[in-house]
């Protein structure tokens, strides 16, 4: 019996773990941790994520989020929140870490996470939770926008009956539009008004300023990079811009950064209006 057992042990297949060492071990460990979370093997996921954090190169924010998710599922709440805090030290803007901090924390860290998600989140349900958290802290208006070469687009939400306006300051003057609330907007509710906006950008070799106001309050100010290089023909570009202003579509047909909005399907079918600027604030 003992000899057969020894023979069986001798012929037993030993799993290949060579991929867990070497220059690409960190990638394999992250993948294994994610796969274990998917199959709800949380203890295994915790081991792989913990090992990943201990090897080179230094872990990115999502590595701590992997370990935090596994720890939270195992009931290790304090350890999970500690890992989220470490993730946000690495990258304060990490969406995954901020989502979990908003959902799991019970202190002022929820407020900081909500503020970060307002600018970067695309899920309406999470945005509504972030707005609710900021409302409890006294907030009355929120906005997010994306900058492209030809236009600035985004959304704004507010709680009072005042009008909201968006303005674009250029070297030739200021373009201002009054925004009307859209009751069908994903962020609109009985006591929150919301809408989307789209402002065309005239060609310019200088920076432009986008300002959102709600009554006397400034909701957001953003400086955007020039959308025209100094070597281009400025007069020809401006003539093209003015010729195409008649094709401007209503702003409330666009719903950027939000899932499940009617405007997104149209935007996907149409040609892009220019690439996003990378030098704006």
Protein backbone atom coordinates (compact mmCIF):
# COMPACT_ATOMS: atom_id res chain seq x y z
CA UNK A 1 0.00 0.00 0.00
CA UNK A 2 2.74 2.40 0.99
CA UNK A 3 4.74 1.64 -2.18
CA UNK A 4 1.71 2.21 -4.43
CA UNK A 5 0.96 5.43 -2.64
CA UNK A 6 4.54 6.54 -3.06
CA UNK A 7 4.41 5.58 -6.74
CA UNK A 8 1.18 7.50 -7.17
CA UNK A 9 2.74 10.57 -5.57
CA UNK A 10 5.77 10.18 -7.81
CA UNK A 11 3.65 10.17 -10.98
CA UNK A 12 1.25 12.88 -9.81
CA UNK A 13 1.30 15.88 -12.17
CA UNK A 14 2.91 18.91 -10.56
CA UNK A 15 1.27 22.19 -11.66
CA UNK A 16 3.49 24.48 -13.71
CA UNK A 17 4.12 27.65 -11.73
CA UNK A 18 7.06 28.88 -13.75
CA UNK A 19 4.98 31.77 -15.06
CA UNK A 20 4.79 33.15 -11.50
CA UNK A 21 8.48 34.03 -11.59
CA UNK A 22 10.37 36.20 -13.99
CA UNK A 23 9.79 39.61 -15.54
CA UNK A 24 6.13 38.98 -16.38
CA UNK A 25 5.08 37.43 -13.08
CA UNK A 26 3.15 40.55 -12.02
CA UNK A 27 0.89 40.28 -15.08
CA UNK A 28 0.15 36.62 -14.39
CA UNK A 29 -0.63 37.34 -10.73
CA UNK A 30 -3.05 40.15 -11.61
CA UNK A 31 -4.80 37.93 -14.13
CA UNK A 32 -5.09 35.07 -11.66
CA UNK A 33 -6.47 37.35 -8.97
CA UNK A 34 -9.07 38.74 -11.36
CA UNK A 35 -10.07 35.26 -12.53
CA UNK A 36 -10.43 34.08 -8.94
CA UNK A 37 -12.70 37.02 -8.16
CA UNK A 38 -14.82 36.16 -11.19
CA UNK A 39 -15.26 32.58 -9.97
CA UNK A 40 -15.87 33.83 -6.40
CA UNK A 41 -12.77 32.12 -5.02
CA UNK A 42 -12.08 35.07 -2.79
CA UNK A 43 -9.42 33.49 -0.57
CA UNK A 44 -7.44 32.50 -3.65
CA UNK A 45 -7.90 35.95 -5.13
CA UNK A 46 -6.61 37.51 -1.94
CA UNK A 47 -3.46 35.37 -2.06
CA UNK A 48 -2.69 36.23 -5.67
CA UNK A 49 -3.40 39.95 -5.21
CA UNK A 50 -1.30 40.06 -2.06
CA UNK A 51 1.58 38.36 -3.85
CA UNK A 52 1.28 40.79 -6.74
CA UNK A 53 1.60 43.77 -4.42
CA UNK A 54 4.79 42.33 -2.92
CA UNK A 55 6.68 41.83 -6.20
CA UNK A 56 8.16 44.24 -8.73
CA UNK A 57 7.28 46.51 -10.42
CA UNK A 58 5.56 48.72 -7.80
CA UNK A 59 1.81 48.01 -7.78
CA UNK A 60 -0.60 50.33 -9.59
CA UNK A 61 -3.84 51.46 -8.01
CA UNK A 62 -5.87 48.62 -9.51
CA UNK A 63 -3.66 46.06 -7.74
CA UNK A 64 -4.79 47.39 -4.37
CA UNK A 65 -8.37 47.42 -5.65
CA UNK A 66 -8.09 43.70 -6.47
CA UNK A 67 -6.92 42.91 -2.95
CA UNK A 68 -9.54 45.22 -1.46
CA UNK A 69 -12.34 43.49 -3.37
CA UNK A 70 -11.20 40.06 -2.21
CA UNK A 71 -10.81 41.23 1.39
CA UNK A 72 -14.25 42.86 1.43
CA UNK A 73 -15.87 39.67 0.11
CA UNK A 74 -14.20 37.74 2.92
CA UNK A 75 -15.54 40.15 5.54
CA UNK A 76 -12.19 41.88 6.13
CA UNK A 77 -13.74 45.33 5.88
CA UNK A 78 -11.01 47.38 7.54
CA UNK A 79 -8.32 45.73 5.44
CA UNK A 80 -10.37 46.43 2.31
CA UNK A 81 -10.79 50.13 3.16
CA UNK A 82 -7.08 50.37 3.96
CA UNK A 83 -6.24 49.00 0.51
CA UNK A 84 -8.61 51.47 -1.14
CA UNK A 85 -6.86 54.30 0.69
CA UNK A 86 -3.51 53.01 -0.61
CA UNK A 87 -4.92 52.79 -4.13
CA UNK A 88 -6.03 56.42 -3.96
CA UNK A 89 -2.60 57.46 -2.76
CA UNK A 90 -1.17 55.93 -5.93
CA UNK A 91 -3.90 57.43 -8.16
CA UNK A 92 -6.51 59.75 -6.58
CA UNK A 93 -8.57 59.59 -9.78
CA UNK A 94 -8.88 55.79 -10.03
CA UNK A 95 -12.54 55.11 -10.78
CA UNK A 96 -12.61 51.59 -9.35
CA UNK A 97 -11.17 52.68 -6.02
CA UNK A 98 -13.47 55.70 -5.77
CA UNK A 99 -16.54 53.63 -6.63
CA UNK A 100 -15.81 51.22 -3.79
CA UNK A 101 -14.89 53.98 -1.36
CA UNK A 102 -18.25 55.65 -2.02
CA UNK A 103 -20.08 52.36 -1.49
CA UNK A 104 -18.13 50.99 1.48
CA UNK A 105 -16.85 53.89 3.57
CA UNK A 106 -18.95 55.50 6.32
CA UNK A 107 -16.93 58.66 6.94
CA UNK A 108 -15.68 61.74 5.09
CA UNK A 109 -13.89 59.54 2.57
CA UNK A 110 -17.25 59.03 0.87
CA UNK A 111 -17.43 62.74 0.11
CA UNK A 112 -13.98 62.83 -1.50
CA UNK A 113 -14.82 59.78 -3.60
CA UNK A 114 -18.10 61.32 -4.74
CA UNK A 115 -16.34 64.50 -5.85
CA UNK A 116 -13.87 62.51 -7.95
CA UNK A 117 -16.60 60.39 -9.53
CA UNK A 118 -18.60 63.44 -10.63
CA UNK A 119 -15.80 64.33 -13.05
CA UNK A 120 -15.04 60.83 -14.37
CA UNK A 121 -17.88 58.39 -13.84
CA UNK A 122 -20.08 57.32 -16.76
CA UNK A 123 -22.65 55.16 -14.97
CA UNK A 124 -25.84 57.15 -14.19
CA UNK A 125 -26.65 55.04 -11.11
CA UNK A 126 -23.25 55.73 -9.55
CA UNK A 127 -23.46 59.40 -10.52
CA UNK A 128 -26.83 59.67 -8.77
CA UNK A 129 -25.30 58.15 -5.63
CA UNK A 130 -22.40 60.60 -5.83
CA UNK A 131 -24.79 63.55 -6.25
CA UNK A 132 -26.84 62.36 -3.27
CA UNK A 133 -23.70 62.22 -1.11
CA UNK A 134 -22.63 65.71 -2.20
CA UNK A 135 -26.14 67.06 -1.58
CA UNK A 136 -25.99 65.86 2.02
CA UNK A 137 -22.83 67.96 2.37
CA UNK A 138 -24.60 71.06 1.07
CA UNK A 139 -23.85 70.86 -2.66
CA UNK A 140 -26.37 72.42 -5.04
CA UNK A 141 -24.90 71.93 -8.53
CA UNK A 142 -22.52 69.57 -10.31
CA UNK A 143 -21.10 69.24 -13.80
CA UNK A 144 -18.65 67.36 -15.99
CA UNK A 145 -17.43 68.10 -19.48
CA UNK A 146 -15.24 66.68 -22.22
CA UNK A 147 -13.17 68.86 -24.55
CA UNK A 148 -12.69 68.15 -28.25
CA UNK A 149 -11.09 70.15 -31.02
CA UNK A 150 -14.43 71.33 -32.41
CA UNK A 151 -16.66 71.46 -29.35
CA UNK A 152 -17.06 71.12 -25.58
CA UNK A 153 -19.80 68.79 -24.38
CA UNK A 154 -20.97 67.55 -21.00
CA UNK A 155 -23.76 67.53 -18.45
CA UNK A 156 -24.86 69.72 -15.56
CA UNK A 157 -27.27 69.04 -12.67
CA UNK A 158 -28.66 71.47 -10.10
CA UNK A 159 -31.26 71.59 -7.33
CA UNK A 160 -32.74 75.11 -7.44
CA UNK A 161 -35.05 76.85 -9.89
CA UNK A 162 -32.38 79.19 -11.23
CA UNK A 163 -31.32 79.09 -14.87
CA UNK A 164 -27.99 77.61 -15.92
CA UNK A 165 -25.81 79.10 -18.62
CA UNK A 166 -22.66 77.94 -20.37
CA UNK A 167 -20.23 80.40 -21.91
CA UNK A 168 -17.11 80.09 -24.03
CA UNK A 169 -14.64 82.98 -23.84
CA UNK A 170 -12.44 83.35 -26.91
CA UNK A 171 -10.04 85.99 -28.17
CA UNK A 172 -12.91 87.54 -30.16
CA UNK A 173 -15.51 87.62 -27.38
CA UNK A 174 -17.79 85.37 -25.34
CA UNK A 175 -20.47 82.97 -26.59
CA UNK A 176 -23.21 82.31 -24.01
CA UNK A 177 -26.11 79.84 -24.08
CA UNK A 178 -28.96 79.38 -21.60
CA UNK A 179 -29.56 75.72 -20.75
CA UNK A 180 -33.01 74.30 -20.11
CA UNK A 181 -33.56 71.32 -17.86
CA UNK A 182 -34.40 67.98 -19.46
CA UNK A 183 -36.86 65.93 -17.36
CA UNK A 184 -35.82 62.77 -19.25
CA UNK A 185 -32.13 63.14 -18.45
CA UNK A 186 -30.74 60.10 -16.55
CA UNK A 187 -29.71 62.32 -13.61
CA UNK A 188 -33.01 64.22 -13.36
CA UNK A 189 -35.37 63.50 -10.48
CA UNK A 190 -38.17 65.18 -8.53
CA UNK A 191 -35.74 67.60 -6.87
CA UNK A 192 -32.74 67.55 -9.23
CA UNK A 193 -32.75 69.19 -12.66
CA UNK A 194 -30.26 68.08 -15.29
CA UNK A 195 -29.38 68.53 -18.93
CA UNK A 196 -26.57 68.07 -21.40
CA UNK A 197 -24.85 70.74 -23.44
CA UNK A 198 -22.66 71.12 -26.50
CA UNK A 199 -20.77 74.32 -27.32
CA UNK A 200 -19.03 74.74 -30.66
CA UNK A 201 -15.44 75.96 -30.49
CA UNK A 202 -14.35 78.51 -33.09
CA UNK A 203 -10.80 78.00 -34.39
CA UNK A 204 -8.28 79.74 -32.18
CA UNK A 205 -4.53 79.78 -31.60
CA UNK A 206 -5.06 80.85 -27.97
CA UNK A 207 -6.62 79.09 -25.00
CA UNK A 208 -10.38 79.33 -24.41
CA UNK A 209 -12.33 79.43 -21.15
CA UNK A 210 -15.51 77.40 -20.56
CA UNK A 211 -17.69 78.59 -17.67
CA UNK A 212 -20.87 77.06 -16.25
CA UNK A 213 -23.01 79.28 -13.99
CA UNK A 214 -26.14 78.60 -11.97
CA UNK A 215 -27.55 81.98 -11.04
CA UNK A 216 -24.69 83.83 -9.35
CA UNK A 217 -22.80 80.65 -8.53
CA UNK A 218 -19.96 79.38 -10.71
CA UNK A 219 -20.46 75.64 -11.22
CA UNK A 220 -17.26 74.99 -13.17
CA UNK A 221 -14.51 76.89 -14.96
CA UNK A 222 -12.22 75.11 -17.38
CA UNK A 223 -9.37 76.39 -19.49
CA UNK A 224 -9.01 74.47 -22.74
CA UNK A 225 -6.03 74.32 -25.05
CA UNK A 226 -5.97 76.04 -28.45
CA UNK A 227 -7.61 74.02 -31.21
CA UNK A 228 -5.58 75.57 -34.02
CA UNK A 229 -1.83 75.62 -34.52
CA UNK A 230 -0.12 78.85 -35.47
CA UNK A 231 0.89 77.40 -38.86
CA UNK A 232 -2.71 76.90 -40.02
CA UNK A 233 -4.69 79.48 -42.00
CA UNK A 234 -6.79 81.11 -39.29
CA UNK A 235 -9.03 83.03 -41.71
CA UNK A 236 -9.90 79.93 -43.72
CA UNK A 237 -10.63 77.95 -40.55
CA UNK A 238 -12.95 80.65 -39.21
CA UNK A 239 -14.83 80.85 -42.53
CA UNK A 240 -15.34 77.09 -42.40
CA UNK A 241 -16.59 77.35 -38.81
CA UNK A 242 -19.16 80.04 -39.62
CA UNK A 243 -20.40 78.17 -42.71
CA UNK A 244 -21.12 75.11 -40.60
CA UNK A 245 -22.82 76.87 -37.69
CA UNK A 246 -26.19 76.35 -39.41
CA UNK A 247 -25.78 72.60 -38.92
CA UNK A 248 -25.68 72.93 -35.15
CA UNK A 249 -27.89 70.37 -33.42
CA UNK A 250 -29.79 70.86 -30.14
CA UNK A 251 -27.49 70.21 -27.19
CA UNK A 252 -30.00 68.02 -25.37
CA UNK A 253 -29.67 65.37 -28.09
CA UNK A 254 -26.16 64.63 -26.88
CA UNK A 255 -25.58 62.75 -23.69
CA UNK A 256 -21.80 62.33 -23.20
CA UNK A 257 -20.25 60.10 -20.56
CA UNK A 258 -23.59 58.49 -19.65
CA UNK A 259 -24.64 54.96 -20.47
CA UNK A 260 -28.03 54.18 -21.95
CA UNK A 261 -28.74 57.63 -23.40
CA UNK A 262 -30.42 58.09 -26.76
CA UNK A 263 -27.82 60.56 -27.97
CA UNK A 264 -24.98 58.08 -27.73
CA UNK A 265 -26.26 55.87 -30.57
CA UNK A 266 -26.40 58.85 -32.91
CA UNK A 267 -22.92 60.01 -31.94
CA UNK A 268 -21.51 56.55 -32.64
CA UNK A 269 -23.02 56.50 -36.11
CA UNK A 270 -21.78 59.96 -37.08
CA UNK A 271 -18.21 60.97 -37.96
CA UNK A 272 -16.11 62.15 -35.03
CA UNK A 273 -16.07 65.89 -34.47
CA UNK A 274 -12.35 65.94 -33.66
CA UNK A 275 -10.00 64.34 -31.22
CA UNK A 276 -9.99 65.20 -27.54
CA UNK A 277 -7.49 67.78 -26.38
CA UNK A 278 -4.79 66.54 -24.06
CA UNK A 279 -3.48 69.89 -22.90
CA UNK A 280 -6.59 71.19 -21.12
CA UNK A 281 -7.17 71.36 -17.40
